[in-house]
Amino acid sequence: MPQDEKTKAAFERIEQGVKDVYSSENFKQYLSCLSKFHSYSLNNTLLILSQKPEATLVAGYRSWQNNFNRHVNKGEKGLTILAPIVFKEKREMNQLDENGNVVLDATGNTLKEEREVNITYFRTTTVFDISQTSGEPLPTFVHDLTGSSQEVQALIQTIQTVCTIPIEFKTETEDITLLTGAKGYYSPTSDKIVVNKDLEDLQIAKTLIHEYAHSILHKQTDKTHSQREIEAESLAFVLCDHFGIDTSEYSFGYIASYTDKEFDELKSILLDIQSTAHEMIEKIEPIFKERLQMIELENKYITPVEMEQLNHDILVSMLPILEPYKAIEENKISDVDHLIDQKLIEFLNTNDKYATQAHLFSNNPNYNRVLRSACYNALVNPKFNINQPWFIEHSIERRNYELFEDIAKPLLTNDAYYMKFTSPGFMDLNIEIIDENRLAIAHNFELNGDLMADPDVEFTVDKENRLLYPQTYQQDTLQIYERLDGNPIRINELNQFMNQWFNNITDQHYIIDKVYSENFELSKKENPSAMRKFCKEHDIPWMCPVSKELER
């Protein structure tokens, strides 16, 4: 969809979204809640604000308990206001006719009558602001945004880059304005933006764009407060929507709170700012894409093949740089890691074509560790061979492939699709092909007739480069099922787990019990000699030893 159409559609979503807010059950509950709060006179409002400027909703001690299921916090000091008290009193008063004129008797004297009148007195009473209470939350149709994503983080960084005025992130205790509940604000007098840094990333991103919009549109303006807020929040929603971030849960309710059901006025405001939205998107988009790419790199799982592609030329270039230090014994170099870091940083930062690698080295811990390890090996290993794919050959993915090959090579050559392993005192082990180059390994047991995995790991194999990549982890006893989806931390953890698992299979003396292929089925119990022959032909004779070897 072209940008103009996409932006127009986003603005149309605002209009419909605001209408939906007014018809929602949340809004009805919100109005019902507000109806339970008293409307205070001007004098009492001034009294409240003079004692607690940040006060928003106030009620009496009992009212908080009975009407809102909240209680005043221990030690809170109440706010003093004036409460009217009405008494009924009988008084002798002039008698009036239907037109309100005084009635006279025949001699011209005023006639009197006894009437009951209301007499109002004032006494002081105490109320408490909602911030002084605890208990059930009050209904609201504006919900704070929670969560984060790489897109959200990229958008925060982008606004910080394009904004030409200061942006400050503060806590409520550091900025009294935030104590009112404001998520942030733009100050035209000091020309700066302040955002509450205690918010979650998604709310920070949305608030930052909202205040950025204020700084562009409302530095000097005679627009009403309502119009300014509708414009800023609408632009925040549209920009977030353009970059794949949904803020409707907050934005529609916020805009609705300022429209007062004036939909024609809302539509007019939205039409007026569409060109501003286009300008802001065009300004932000290239920087956003660059920031997002960098963040994705920082959080990316980089395969050994990708590491080889990224770093082979760097390693070739680092060899002559490190050559003068090769003759020095390792224990005479005060800090080998510091030396390598220094030389790598100098090299990467002085070569523009390695800008991506320089960013990775500073921001991706796993990339940093592996590249440093390669340089260290080049420095201290006299047999280091630059013509070999070091990053592939020294990866845990390669080590796991080799360990797996020692256990179940027929599954890698497609000479079998299922293999069962057993060992006295341990759960059976099952390994099978579930798709092209995708296998599963699992310990299984039965519970109430169901087959339970304890655990089960699915993985893919790169046979050309002899690498193994974990994809999912399942532990039925703990009700865990996890897709790794490129998470570098979890992939590294599962790589280490599988490495230990494969070693345990050997240490615990597992042997092959059954083999299924497209053409035959083998059982060690029924035909041990055929099983030994099969294993020997596939270079894993140790997985089917003769009985005497097994006893030893």
Protein backbone atom coordinates (compact mmCIF):
# COMPACT_ATOMS: atom_id res chain seq x y z
CA MET A 1 0.00 0.00 0.00
CA PRO A 2 1.43 3.45 -0.96
CA GLN A 3 2.42 5.66 1.98
CA ASP A 4 -0.35 8.24 1.35
CA GLU A 5 -3.04 5.56 1.40
CA LYS A 6 -1.52 3.86 4.44
CA THR A 7 -1.46 7.15 6.36
CA LYS A 8 -5.02 8.00 5.32
CA ALA A 9 -6.19 4.59 6.50
CA ALA A 10 -4.50 5.15 9.86
CA PHE A 11 -6.32 8.47 10.31
CA GLU A 12 -9.63 6.78 9.44
CA ARG A 13 -8.88 4.16 12.11
CA ILE A 14 -8.55 6.97 14.66
CA GLU A 15 -12.01 8.34 13.85
CA GLN A 16 -13.65 4.93 14.08
CA GLY A 17 -11.59 3.97 17.12
CA VAL A 18 -12.74 7.04 19.03
CA LYS A 19 -16.38 6.30 18.19
CA ASP A 20 -15.91 2.75 19.44
CA VAL A 21 -14.52 4.06 22.73
CA TYR A 22 -17.76 5.94 23.45
CA SER A 23 -19.86 2.83 22.86
CA SER A 24 -17.59 0.53 24.86
CA GLU A 25 -18.44 -1.08 28.19
CA ASN A 26 -15.25 0.40 29.64
CA PHE A 27 -16.48 3.91 28.92
CA LYS A 28 -19.83 3.21 30.61
CA GLN A 29 -18.03 1.92 33.71
CA TYR A 30 -15.78 4.97 33.63
CA LEU A 31 -18.76 7.39 33.55
CA SER A 32 -20.47 5.45 36.32
CA CYS A 33 -17.35 5.78 38.44
CA LEU A 34 -17.01 9.51 37.79
CA SER A 35 -20.65 10.08 38.78
CA LYS A 36 -19.76 8.99 42.33
CA PHE A 37 -17.33 11.89 42.78
CA HIS A 38 -18.70 15.22 44.03
CA SER A 39 -18.45 18.35 41.91
CA TYR A 40 -16.59 20.89 44.05
CA SER A 41 -17.15 24.63 44.04
CA LEU A 42 -14.50 27.00 42.78
CA ASN A 43 -13.51 27.91 46.35
CA ASN A 44 -13.11 24.26 47.38
CA THR A 45 -11.17 23.48 44.20
CA LEU A 46 -8.75 26.28 45.04
CA LEU A 47 -8.48 25.00 48.60
CA ILE A 48 -7.65 21.48 47.37
CA LEU A 49 -5.02 22.64 44.87
CA SER A 50 -3.40 24.95 47.40
CA GLN A 51 -2.82 21.97 49.69
CA LYS A 52 -1.99 19.34 47.00
CA PRO A 53 -1.34 20.82 43.54
CA GLU A 54 -1.13 17.38 41.91
CA ALA A 55 -4.54 16.23 43.20
CA THR A 56 -6.81 14.67 40.55
CA LEU A 57 -9.72 12.81 42.20
CA VAL A 58 -10.76 13.44 45.81
CA ALA A 59 -13.35 11.89 48.11
CA GLY A 60 -14.01 11.46 51.82
CA TYR A 61 -12.58 8.67 53.97
CA ARG A 62 -15.81 6.61 54.01
CA SER A 63 -16.60 7.39 50.39
CA TRP A 64 -13.33 5.81 49.27
CA GLN A 65 -14.27 2.67 51.20
CA ASN A 66 -17.95 2.39 50.34
CA ASN A 67 -18.04 3.64 46.76
CA PHE A 68 -14.65 2.61 45.34
CA ASN A 69 -13.35 -0.28 47.50
CA ARG A 70 -10.24 1.71 48.37
CA HIS A 71 -8.80 2.76 51.71
CA VAL A 72 -6.76 5.78 52.80
CA ASN A 73 -3.13 4.90 53.37
CA LYS A 74 -1.86 4.99 56.93
CA GLY A 75 -0.30 8.32 57.90
CA GLU A 76 -1.83 10.33 55.04
CA LYS A 77 -2.78 13.92 55.86
CA GLY A 78 -6.23 14.90 54.63
CA LEU A 79 -7.15 17.97 52.59
CA THR A 80 -9.42 20.48 54.33
CA ILE A 81 -12.43 21.83 52.45
CA LEU A 82 -15.71 23.56 53.36
CA ALA A 83 -18.80 21.37 53.54
CA PRO A 84 -22.28 22.94 53.45
CA ILE A 85 -24.79 21.89 56.14
CA VAL A 86 -28.48 22.69 55.51
CA PHE A 87 -30.97 23.15 58.39
CA LYS A 88 -34.72 23.66 58.11
CA GLU A 89 -36.03 26.47 60.35
CA LYS A 90 -39.51 28.04 60.86
CA ARG A 91 -39.52 31.81 60.63
CA GLU A 92 -42.20 34.51 60.65
CA MET A 93 -42.03 36.20 57.27
CA ASN A 94 -44.01 38.66 55.14
CA GLN A 95 -46.97 37.14 53.36
CA LEU A 96 -46.67 37.38 49.55
CA ASP A 97 -49.29 37.16 46.83
CA GLU A 98 -48.95 35.04 43.68
CA ASN A 99 -46.96 37.82 42.02
CA GLY A 100 -44.53 38.07 44.90
CA ASN A 101 -45.93 41.32 46.27
CA VAL A 102 -46.35 41.95 50.00
CA VAL A 103 -49.96 41.43 51.17
CA LEU A 104 -51.46 44.24 53.34
CA ASP A 105 -54.45 44.16 55.66
CA ALA A 106 -57.38 46.67 55.55
CA THR A 107 -55.42 49.16 57.67
CA GLY A 108 -52.32 48.96 55.44
CA ASN A 109 -50.20 46.83 57.75
CA THR A 110 -48.09 43.96 56.37
CA LEU A 111 -49.57 40.52 56.97
CA LYS A 112 -47.22 37.91 58.49
CA GLU A 113 -47.05 34.12 58.10
CA GLU A 114 -44.83 31.31 59.40
CA ARG A 115 -42.77 29.53 56.72
CA GLU A 116 -40.09 26.77 56.77
CA VAL A 117 -36.82 27.85 55.12
CA ASN A 118 -33.43 26.22 54.46
CA ILE A 119 -30.50 27.75 56.34
CA THR A 120 -26.97 26.88 55.05
CA TYR A 121 -23.96 26.79 57.36
CA PHE A 122 -20.39 25.76 56.49
CA ARG A 123 -18.02 23.57 58.44
CA THR A 124 -14.63 22.14 57.61
CA THR A 125 -14.29 18.50 56.51
CA THR A 126 -11.51 16.32 55.21
CA VAL A 127 -11.04 14.64 51.84
CA PHE A 128 -8.21 12.56 50.35
CA ASP A 129 -6.76 12.40 46.84
CA ILE A 130 -6.65 9.06 45.00
CA SER A 131 -2.84 9.11 45.28
CA GLN A 132 -3.30 8.85 49.07
CA THR A 133 -5.33 5.65 48.78
CA SER A 134 -4.88 1.99 47.85
CA GLY A 135 -7.25 -0.72 46.68
CA GLU A 136 -9.17 -1.64 43.55
CA PRO A 137 -8.19 0.37 40.46
CA LEU A 138 -10.73 2.82 39.12
CA PRO A 139 -12.22 2.15 35.67
CA THR A 140 -10.47 3.98 32.85
CA PHE A 141 -10.68 4.03 29.08
CA VAL A 142 -7.05 5.07 28.70
CA HIS A 143 -4.71 2.13 29.38
CA ASP A 144 -0.96 2.47 29.77
CA LEU A 145 1.03 0.71 27.09
CA THR A 146 3.32 -2.12 28.11
CA GLY A 147 6.01 -4.18 26.46
CA SER A 148 8.89 -3.58 24.11
CA SER A 149 10.27 -4.73 20.77
CA GLN A 150 13.17 -3.99 18.48
CA GLU A 151 10.90 -1.65 16.48
CA VAL A 152 9.98 0.25 19.65
CA GLN A 153 13.61 0.63 20.67
CA ALA A 154 14.52 1.78 17.14
CA LEU A 155 11.76 4.39 17.20
CA ILE A 156 12.94 5.79 20.55
CA GLN A 157 16.48 6.10 19.21
CA THR A 158 15.20 7.66 15.97
CA ILE A 159 13.24 10.44 17.71
CA GLN A 160 16.26 11.17 19.88
CA THR A 161 18.30 11.54 16.68
CA VAL A 162 15.93 13.75 14.65
CA CYS A 163 14.74 15.96 17.52
CA THR A 164 16.73 19.21 17.60
CA ILE A 165 15.77 20.20 21.17
CA PRO A 166 16.88 18.58 24.45
CA ILE A 167 15.12 15.38 25.54
CA GLU A 168 15.33 14.49 29.24
CA PHE A 169 14.29 11.19 30.83
CA LYS A 170 13.37 11.69 34.49
CA THR A 171 11.54 10.04 37.36
CA GLU A 172 8.58 11.53 39.22
CA THR A 173 10.85 12.44 42.13
CA GLU A 174 13.20 14.27 39.76
CA ASP A 175 10.46 16.32 38.08
CA ILE A 176 7.40 17.47 40.05
CA THR A 177 5.36 17.92 36.85
CA LEU A 178 5.37 14.15 36.36
CA LEU A 179 3.74 13.72 39.79
CA THR A 180 0.45 14.80 38.21
CA GLY A 181 0.41 11.51 36.32
CA ALA A 182 1.71 13.02 33.08
CA LYS A 183 3.73 10.58 31.00
CA GLY A 184 5.81 13.48 29.69
CA TYR A 185 5.55 17.07 28.53
CA TYR A 186 6.90 19.64 26.12
CA SER A 187 7.87 22.99 27.64
CA PRO A 188 7.61 25.87 25.11
CA THR A 189 9.34 28.27 27.53
CA SER A 190 12.46 26.15 27.99
CA ASP A 191 11.97 24.43 24.59
CA LYS A 192 12.64 20.92 25.86
CA ILE A 193 10.91 17.55 26.11
CA VAL A 194 10.70 15.57 29.37
CA VAL A 195 9.57 11.92 29.49
CA ASN A 196 8.98 9.69 32.52
CA LYS A 197 11.78 7.13 32.28
CA ASP A 198 9.98 4.67 34.59
CA LEU A 199 7.46 3.85 31.85
CA GLU A 200 7.76 0.72 29.73
CA ASP A 201 9.43 1.09 26.34
CA LEU A 202 6.22 1.10 24.27
CA GLN A 203 4.70 3.92 26.37
CA ILE A 204 7.99 5.86 26.22
CA ALA A 205 8.08 5.61 22.42
CA LYS A 206 4.50 6.79 22.05
CA THR A 207 4.95 9.62 24.59
CA LEU A 208 8.18 10.74 22.96
CA ILE A 209 6.49 11.12 19.55
CA HIS A 210 3.51 12.87 21.19
CA GLU A 211 5.76 15.49 22.79
CA TYR A 212 7.91 15.72 19.65
CA ALA A 213 4.72 16.57 17.72
CA HIS A 214 3.92 19.28 20.28
CA SER A 215 7.40 20.76 19.78
CA ILE A 216 6.84 20.95 16.01
CA LEU A 217 3.25 22.19 15.95
CA HIS A 218 2.63 24.08 19.17
CA LYS A 219 5.67 26.13 20.08
CA GLN A 220 3.67 29.27 19.28
CA THR A 221 -0.03 28.65 18.75
CA ASP A 222 -3.46 29.94 19.65
CA LYS A 223 -5.09 26.51 19.29
CA THR A 224 -7.18 25.23 22.18
CA HIS A 225 -5.73 22.70 24.62
CA SER A 226 -8.08 20.04 23.28
CA GLN A 227 -7.02 20.59 19.68
CA ARG A 228 -3.34 20.50 20.60
CA GLU A 229 -3.74 17.17 22.42
CA ILE A 230 -5.81 15.61 19.62
CA GLU A 231 -3.19 16.63 17.04
CA ALA A 232 -0.21 15.36 19.06
CA GLU A 233 -1.79 12.02 20.00
CA SER A 234 -3.13 11.42 16.47
CA LEU A 235 0.32 12.00 15.01
CA ALA A 236 1.80 9.68 17.63
CA PHE A 237 -0.64 6.92 16.69
CA VAL A 238 -0.14 7.34 12.92
CA LEU A 239 3.66 7.35 13.14
CA CYS A 240 3.73 4.32 15.44
CA ASP A 241 1.26 2.53 13.15
CA HIS A 242 3.46 3.26 10.13
CA PHE A 243 6.40 1.56 11.81
CA GLY A 244 4.39 -1.49 12.87
CA ILE A 245 3.68 -0.43 16.47
CA ASP A 246 0.07 -0.52 17.73
CA THR A 247 -0.81 2.15 20.33
CA SER A 248 -4.59 2.09 19.80
CA GLU A 249 -5.21 0.76 23.31
CA TYR A 250 -3.97 4.09 24.67
CA SER A 251 -4.36 6.57 21.82
CA PHE A 252 -8.07 6.10 20.99
CA GLY A 253 -9.14 6.60 24.60
CA TYR A 254 -6.81 9.58 25.02
CA ILE A 255 -8.17 11.29 21.90
CA ALA A 256 -11.75 10.48 22.94
CA SER A 257 -11.18 12.27 26.25
CA TYR A 258 -10.61 15.52 24.30
CA THR A 259 -13.20 15.22 21.50
CA ASP A 260 -16.35 15.29 23.68
CA LYS A 261 -18.16 13.45 20.83
CA GLU A 262 -17.58 16.34 18.40
CA PHE A 263 -16.83 14.04 15.48
CA ASP A 264 -17.04 16.71 12.77
CA GLU A 265 -14.42 18.76 14.60
CA LEU A 266 -12.26 15.65 15.08
CA LYS A 267 -12.45 14.85 11.37
CA SER A 268 -11.43 18.40 10.49
CA ILE A 269 -8.42 18.27 12.84
CA LEU A 270 -7.30 14.92 11.41
CA LEU A 271 -7.50 16.22 7.84
CA ASP A 272 -5.42 19.28 8.76
CA ILE A 273 -2.48 17.29 10.12
CA GLN A 274 -2.18 14.59 7.45
CA SER A 275 0.47 16.56 5.56
CA THR A 276 2.43 16.93 8.81
CA ALA A 277 2.27 13.16 9.27
CA HIS A 278 3.71 12.62 5.76
CA GLU A 279 6.57 15.04 6.45
CA MET A 280 7.39 13.42 9.79
CA ILE A 281 7.36 9.91 8.30
CA GLU A 282 9.64 10.91 5.42
CA LYS A 283 12.07 12.49 7.88
CA ILE A 284 12.03 9.60 10.34
CA GLU A 285 11.85 6.53 8.07
CA PRO A 286 15.45 6.31 6.77
CA ILE A 287 16.88 6.81 10.27
CA PHE A 288 14.41 4.31 11.72
CA LYS A 289 15.45 1.65 9.20
CA GLU A 290 19.11 2.23 9.99
CA ARG A 291 18.52 2.07 13.76
CA LEU A 292 16.35 -1.04 13.45
CA GLN A 293 19.00 -2.78 11.39
CA MET A 294 21.62 -2.00 14.02
CA ILE A 295 19.41 -3.22 16.87
CA GLU A 296 18.63 -6.42 14.95
CA LEU A 297 22.36 -6.96 14.55
CA GLU A 298 22.94 -6.40 18.26
CA ASN A 299 20.37 -9.08 19.10
CA LYS A 300 21.02 -11.43 16.19
CA TYR A 301 22.14 -15.03 16.41
CA ILE A 302 25.01 -15.16 13.94
CA THR A 303 25.63 -18.62 12.56
CA PRO A 304 29.19 -19.94 12.11
CA VAL A 305 28.77 -19.62 8.33
CA GLU A 306 27.79 -15.96 8.73
CA MET A 307 30.70 -15.43 11.14
CA GLU A 308 33.05 -16.83 8.50
CA GLN A 309 31.62 -14.53 5.84
CA LEU A 310 31.81 -11.49 8.12
CA ASN A 311 35.25 -12.09 9.56
CA HIS A 312 37.50 -14.12 7.28
CA ASP A 313 38.97 -11.02 5.61
CA ILE A 314 39.31 -9.31 8.99
CA LEU A 315 41.28 -12.25 10.33
CA VAL A 316 43.53 -12.20 7.25
CA SER A 317 44.19 -8.50 7.85
CA MET A 318 44.82 -8.98 11.57
CA LEU A 319 47.60 -11.58 11.05
CA PRO A 320 50.32 -9.07 10.09
CA ILE A 321 49.10 -6.70 12.81
CA LEU A 322 49.51 -9.43 15.44
CA GLU A 323 52.72 -10.88 13.92
CA PRO A 324 55.13 -8.72 16.00
CA TYR A 325 53.59 -10.10 19.19
CA LYS A 326 53.84 -13.81 18.27
CA ALA A 327 57.42 -14.12 19.47
CA ILE A 328 56.47 -12.86 22.92
CA GLU A 329 55.49 -15.59 25.35
CA GLU A 330 51.88 -15.41 26.46
CA ASN A 331 52.78 -14.91 30.13
CA LYS A 332 54.95 -11.91 29.22
CA ILE A 333 52.09 -10.04 27.62
CA SER A 334 50.49 -8.22 30.54
CA ASP A 335 47.00 -8.44 29.10
CA VAL A 336 46.54 -10.45 25.92
CA ASP A 337 42.80 -9.73 25.75
CA HIS A 338 43.40 -5.99 26.06
CA LEU A 339 46.00 -6.13 23.30
CA ILE A 340 43.66 -7.98 20.95
CA ASP A 341 40.75 -5.66 21.76
CA GLN A 342 42.89 -2.60 21.12
CA LYS A 343 44.19 -3.84 17.76
CA LEU A 344 40.75 -5.02 16.63
CA ILE A 345 39.03 -1.76 17.55
CA GLU A 346 41.71 0.29 15.80
CA PHE A 347 41.43 -1.82 12.66
CA LEU A 348 37.60 -1.95 12.51
CA ASN A 349 37.13 1.76 13.22
CA THR A 350 39.58 2.85 10.53
CA ASN A 351 37.97 0.76 7.76
CA ASP A 352 34.58 2.02 6.61
CA LYS A 353 33.72 -1.25 4.88
CA TYR A 354 33.73 -2.95 8.29
CA ALA A 355 31.23 -0.55 9.90
CA THR A 356 28.79 -3.42 10.51
CA GLN A 357 31.46 -5.54 12.16
CA ALA A 358 32.60 -2.58 14.28
CA HIS A 359 29.03 -2.13 15.52
CA LEU A 360 28.71 -5.85 16.23
CA PHE A 361 32.01 -5.93 18.09
CA SER A 362 30.80 -3.16 20.40
CA ASN A 363 27.21 -4.34 20.86
CA ASN A 364 26.90 -8.10 20.24
CA PRO A 365 28.60 -10.01 23.10
CA ASN A 366 28.71 -13.36 21.29
CA TYR A 367 30.20 -11.83 18.14
CA ASN A 368 32.79 -10.02 20.26
CA ARG A 369 33.74 -13.22 22.10
CA VAL A 370 34.14 -15.34 18.96
CA LEU A 371 36.15 -12.77 16.97
CA ARG A 372 38.47 -12.16 19.94
CA SER A 373 38.91 -15.92 20.33
CA ALA A 374 39.88 -16.26 16.67
CA CYS A 375 42.47 -13.48 16.98
CA TYR A 376 43.82 -15.02 20.18
CA ASN A 377 44.19 -18.37 18.42
CA ALA A 378 46.00 -16.66 15.53
CA LEU A 379 48.36 -15.02 18.03
CA VAL A 380 49.31 -18.01 20.19
CA ASN A 381 48.82 -21.05 17.94
CA PRO A 382 51.85 -21.67 15.69
CA LYS A 383 49.78 -24.10 13.59
CA PHE A 384 47.06 -21.56 12.88
CA ASN A 385 45.88 -21.99 9.28
CA ILE A 386 44.15 -19.00 7.74
CA ASN A 387 43.07 -21.10 4.74
CA GLN A 388 40.72 -23.14 6.92
CA PRO A 389 37.24 -21.83 7.88
CA TRP A 390 38.18 -21.15 11.51
CA PHE A 391 34.78 -19.80 12.62
CA ILE A 392 32.99 -22.89 11.32
CA GLU A 393 35.51 -25.46 12.49
CA HIS A 394 35.78 -24.05 16.04
CA SER A 395 32.07 -23.51 16.65
CA ILE A 396 29.98 -25.40 19.17
CA GLU A 397 27.59 -26.11 16.30
CA ARG A 398 30.39 -28.09 14.59
CA ARG A 399 31.33 -29.90 17.81
CA ASN A 400 27.70 -30.91 18.34
CA TYR A 401 27.40 -32.15 14.77
CA GLU A 402 30.45 -34.35 15.25
CA LEU A 403 29.18 -35.69 18.59
CA PHE A 404 25.81 -36.46 17.04
CA GLU A 405 27.52 -38.12 14.08
CA ASP A 406 29.33 -40.44 16.50
CA ILE A 407 25.98 -41.50 17.94
CA ALA A 408 23.54 -41.60 15.03
CA LYS A 409 25.35 -41.19 11.72
CA PRO A 410 22.75 -43.25 9.73
CA LEU A 411 20.19 -40.46 10.36
CA LEU A 412 22.54 -37.93 8.75
CA THR A 413 23.07 -40.14 5.70
CA ASN A 414 19.32 -40.93 5.45
CA ASP A 415 20.05 -44.66 5.83
CA ALA A 416 17.56 -44.67 8.71
CA TYR A 417 14.71 -42.45 9.82
CA TYR A 418 14.38 -43.63 13.44
CA MET A 419 16.84 -44.97 16.03
CA LYS A 420 16.14 -46.06 19.59
CA PHE A 421 18.89 -46.22 22.22
CA THR A 422 18.82 -47.88 25.65
CA SER A 423 21.01 -48.02 28.75
CA PRO A 424 20.28 -49.83 32.05
CA GLY A 425 18.94 -47.44 34.67
CA PHE A 426 18.24 -44.61 32.21
CA MET A 427 15.23 -43.57 30.16
CA ASP A 428 15.07 -44.72 26.56
CA LEU A 429 16.44 -42.31 23.97
CA ASN A 430 14.66 -41.76 20.65
CA ILE A 431 16.06 -39.90 17.64
CA GLU A 432 14.13 -39.50 14.40
CA ILE A 433 13.94 -37.52 11.19
CA ILE A 434 10.81 -35.35 11.20
CA ASP A 435 11.42 -33.33 8.04
CA GLU A 436 14.16 -32.70 5.52
CA ASN A 437 17.31 -31.90 7.52
CA ARG A 438 15.20 -31.57 10.69
CA LEU A 439 15.47 -34.14 13.48
CA ALA A 440 14.25 -34.62 17.04
CA ILE A 441 15.99 -36.21 20.02
CA ALA A 442 14.07 -37.10 23.16
CA HIS A 443 14.04 -39.08 26.37
CA ASN A 444 10.52 -40.50 26.71
CA PHE A 445 8.47 -42.16 29.43
CA GLU A 446 4.80 -43.04 29.86
CA LEU A 447 2.49 -41.25 32.30
CA ASN A 448 -1.15 -42.33 32.50
CA GLY A 449 -0.89 -43.74 29.01
CA ASP A 450 0.61 -40.59 27.51
CA LEU A 451 4.13 -40.43 26.07
CA MET A 452 6.03 -37.68 27.90
CA ALA A 453 9.18 -35.89 26.70
CA ASP A 454 11.90 -35.29 29.28
CA PRO A 455 13.28 -33.46 27.36
CA ASP A 456 12.69 -33.20 23.60
CA VAL A 457 14.82 -31.01 21.30
CA GLU A 458 14.23 -30.43 17.60
CA PHE A 459 17.21 -29.33 15.53
CA THR A 460 18.25 -28.78 11.94
CA VAL A 461 21.49 -29.91 10.32
CA ASP A 462 23.63 -28.16 7.75
CA LYS A 463 25.27 -31.22 6.21
CA GLU A 464 27.42 -29.25 3.78
CA ASN A 465 29.13 -27.31 6.58
CA ARG A 466 28.64 -30.05 9.21
CA LEU A 467 26.72 -27.86 11.68
CA LEU A 468 23.82 -28.54 14.02
CA TYR A 469 21.27 -25.87 15.02
CA PRO A 470 18.73 -26.32 17.87
CA GLN A 471 15.22 -25.03 17.08
CA THR A 472 12.82 -26.01 19.91
CA TYR A 473 12.96 -27.24 23.50
CA GLN A 474 10.19 -29.24 25.19
CA GLN A 475 9.99 -30.46 28.80
CA ASP A 476 6.59 -32.04 29.47
CA THR A 477 7.12 -32.54 33.20
CA LEU A 478 7.53 -28.75 33.58
CA GLN A 479 4.99 -27.89 30.84
CA ILE A 480 7.63 -26.08 28.80
CA TYR A 481 7.60 -25.69 25.05
CA GLU A 482 9.87 -23.06 23.57
CA ARG A 483 10.70 -21.99 20.02
CA LEU A 484 14.08 -20.29 19.92
CA ASP A 485 13.27 -18.07 16.90
CA GLY A 486 16.78 -16.66 16.61
CA ASN A 487 17.16 -15.71 20.30
CA PRO A 488 20.98 -15.68 20.64
CA ILE A 489 21.02 -16.18 24.42
CA ARG A 490 18.67 -19.18 24.39
CA ILE A 491 20.36 -20.69 21.33
CA ASN A 492 23.72 -20.50 23.05
CA GLU A 493 22.26 -22.06 26.21
CA LEU A 494 20.67 -24.89 24.25
CA ASN A 495 23.86 -25.45 22.25
CA GLN A 496 25.69 -25.96 25.56
CA PHE A 497 22.89 -28.20 26.84
CA MET A 498 22.99 -30.41 23.74
CA ASN A 499 26.77 -30.62 23.90
CA GLN A 500 26.50 -31.99 27.45
CA TRP A 501 23.61 -34.26 26.46
CA PHE A 502 25.55 -35.87 23.60
CA ASN A 503 28.53 -36.45 25.89
CA ASN A 504 26.22 -37.99 28.51
CA ILE A 505 24.86 -40.45 25.95
CA THR A 506 28.36 -41.84 25.54
CA ASP A 507 29.27 -41.67 29.23
CA GLN A 508 26.06 -43.46 30.21
CA HIS A 509 26.83 -46.31 27.76
CA TYR A 510 23.75 -46.00 25.57
CA ILE A 511 23.64 -48.54 22.75
CA ILE A 512 21.38 -48.84 19.72
CA ASP A 513 18.32 -51.00 20.37
CA LYS A 514 16.24 -50.46 17.21
CA VAL A 515 16.73 -48.98 13.74
CA TYR A 516 13.96 -48.21 11.23
CA SER A 517 14.59 -47.36 7.60
CA GLU A 518 12.43 -47.23 4.49
CA ASN A 519 13.56 -50.76 3.59
CA PHE A 520 14.04 -52.64 6.85
CA GLU A 521 13.69 -52.73 10.63
CA LEU A 522 16.45 -53.95 12.93
CA SER A 523 16.30 -55.01 16.56
CA LYS A 524 19.42 -55.76 18.58
CA LYS A 525 17.50 -58.22 20.72
CA GLU A 526 16.22 -60.20 17.72
CA ASN A 527 19.25 -59.94 15.44
CA PRO A 528 22.37 -58.65 17.26
CA SER A 529 24.79 -59.67 14.49
CA ALA A 530 22.84 -57.71 11.84
CA MET A 531 22.75 -54.68 14.15
CA ARG A 532 26.54 -54.88 14.70
CA LYS A 533 27.09 -55.15 10.96
CA PHE A 534 24.83 -52.13 10.33
CA CYS A 535 26.71 -50.04 12.89
CA LYS A 536 30.11 -51.09 11.54
CA GLU A 537 29.08 -50.17 8.00
CA HIS A 538 28.10 -46.71 9.25
CA ASP A 539 31.27 -46.09 11.28
CA ILE A 540 29.61 -46.32 14.70
CA PRO A 541 30.57 -49.84 15.88
CA TRP A 542 30.89 -48.59 19.48
CA MET A 543 27.12 -48.02 19.54
CA CYS A 544 26.54 -51.78 19.22
CA PRO A 545 29.32 -53.58 21.11
CA VAL A 546 29.39 -57.34 21.57
CA SER A 547 28.21 -58.55 24.95
CA LYS A 548 31.71 -59.05 26.41
CA GLU A 549 32.71 -55.47 25.46
CA LEU A 550 29.53 -54.19 27.03
CA GLU A 551 30.25 -56.08 30.26
CA ARG A 552 33.75 -54.57 30.44
